[in-house]
Amino acid sequence: MDPICTHTGSITVLDLPEEIPGCEDCLAIGGRWVHLRMCQSCGHIGCCDSSPHRHASAHARDGQHPIARSAEPGEDWSWCYIDQVAFVVKG
């Protein structure tokens, strides 16, 4: 059986912004990032877990926003931090 995300009801933001200057939190502290993720509850842009500060997963924990999508060009997958499962939202 394939794992399923039980938090898809929290998704309210589907589309990436036209311009993404970088991880909002890294920009505020002068940090650096590897890849970007967008919270699908509020649209917050954070850095991935390969980045030094892991702002996207911290946002998911602290803000109780479980799902983020890749904000990388050409990628459309999402990740649920609670269920630990990747999936594609069909919009």
Protein backbone atom coordinates (compact mmCIF):
# COMPACT_ATOMS: atom_id res chain seq x y z
CA MET A 1 0.00 0.00 0.00
CA ASP A 2 1.30 3.47 -0.90
CA PRO A 3 1.63 5.93 1.99
CA ILE A 4 -0.91 8.75 1.95
CA CYS A 5 -0.92 12.26 3.31
CA THR A 6 -3.70 12.86 5.80
CA HIS A 7 -3.16 16.65 5.79
CA THR A 8 -4.15 17.66 2.26
CA GLY A 9 -7.08 19.62 3.72
CA SER A 10 -4.55 22.20 4.97
CA ILE A 11 -3.51 23.10 1.39
CA THR A 12 -4.71 26.58 0.46
CA VAL A 13 -1.79 27.86 -1.65
CA LEU A 14 -1.11 26.00 -4.88
CA ASP A 15 0.78 28.38 -7.15
CA LEU A 16 4.29 29.69 -6.67
CA PRO A 17 4.80 33.45 -6.71
CA GLU A 18 6.15 34.84 -9.99
CA GLU A 19 9.37 36.02 -8.33
CA ILE A 20 11.09 34.30 -5.43
CA PRO A 21 14.12 36.22 -4.14
CA GLY A 22 15.13 33.36 -1.81
CA CYS A 23 14.43 31.87 1.59
CA GLU A 24 12.61 34.57 3.54
CA ASP A 25 14.33 33.63 6.80
CA CYS A 26 17.82 33.31 5.31
CA LEU A 27 17.45 36.69 3.62
CA ALA A 28 16.58 38.21 7.02
CA ILE A 29 19.71 36.81 8.70
CA GLY A 30 22.14 36.84 5.78
CA GLY A 31 22.06 33.05 5.51
CA ARG A 32 22.36 30.82 2.47
CA TRP A 33 20.17 28.07 1.08
CA VAL A 34 20.39 25.08 -1.26
CA HIS A 35 16.79 24.61 -2.49
CA LEU A 36 13.55 26.42 -1.74
CA ARG A 37 10.18 25.17 -0.50
CA MET A 38 6.83 26.96 -0.29
CA CYS A 39 4.38 26.35 2.55
CA GLN A 40 1.07 25.33 1.04
CA SER A 41 -0.88 26.75 3.98
CA CYS A 42 0.41 30.33 3.91
CA GLY A 43 2.91 30.67 1.02
CA HIS A 44 6.01 31.18 3.22
CA ILE A 45 9.21 30.48 1.26
CA GLY A 46 11.82 28.59 3.27
CA CYS A 47 14.96 26.58 2.60
CA CYS A 48 15.16 22.79 2.36
CA ASP A 49 16.64 20.36 4.87
CA SER A 50 19.90 20.25 2.89
CA SER A 51 20.34 23.95 3.71
CA PRO A 52 22.16 24.98 6.90
CA HIS A 53 19.10 26.40 8.69
CA ARG A 54 16.30 24.14 7.41
CA HIS A 55 13.76 26.96 7.58
CA ALA A 56 10.97 25.16 5.66
CA SER A 57 10.77 22.27 8.11
CA ALA A 58 11.10 24.66 11.08
CA HIS A 59 8.17 26.65 9.67
CA ALA A 60 6.14 23.44 9.29
CA ARG A 61 6.81 22.54 12.93
CA ASP A 62 6.40 25.99 14.46
CA GLY A 63 3.48 27.13 12.33
CA GLN A 64 1.71 23.78 12.25
CA HIS A 65 1.66 23.97 8.46
CA PRO A 66 2.48 20.38 7.48
CA ILE A 67 2.80 20.58 3.67
CA ALA A 68 5.36 22.36 1.51
CA ARG A 69 5.96 22.13 -2.21
CA SER A 70 9.18 22.47 -4.08
CA ALA A 71 9.78 26.02 -5.25
CA GLU A 72 12.45 24.88 -7.70
CA PRO A 73 11.88 25.47 -11.43
CA GLY A 74 10.32 22.46 -13.16
CA GLU A 75 9.38 20.65 -9.94
CA ASP A 76 5.78 20.18 -8.83
CA TRP A 77 6.00 17.75 -5.92
CA SER A 78 4.84 18.41 -2.37
CA TRP A 79 6.03 16.96 0.94
CA CYS A 80 4.09 16.35 4.14
CA TYR A 81 6.43 16.79 7.11
CA ILE A 82 4.10 14.88 9.43
CA ASP A 83 3.29 11.86 7.28
CA GLN A 84 6.76 11.89 5.65
CA VAL A 85 5.35 11.37 2.18
CA ALA A 86 5.87 13.09 -1.18
CA PHE A 87 3.04 13.57 -3.67
CA VAL A 88 1.86 15.78 -6.53
CA VAL A 89 -1.21 17.96 -6.07
CA LYS A 90 -3.56 17.73 -9.04
CA GLY A 91 -5.12 21.19 -9.24
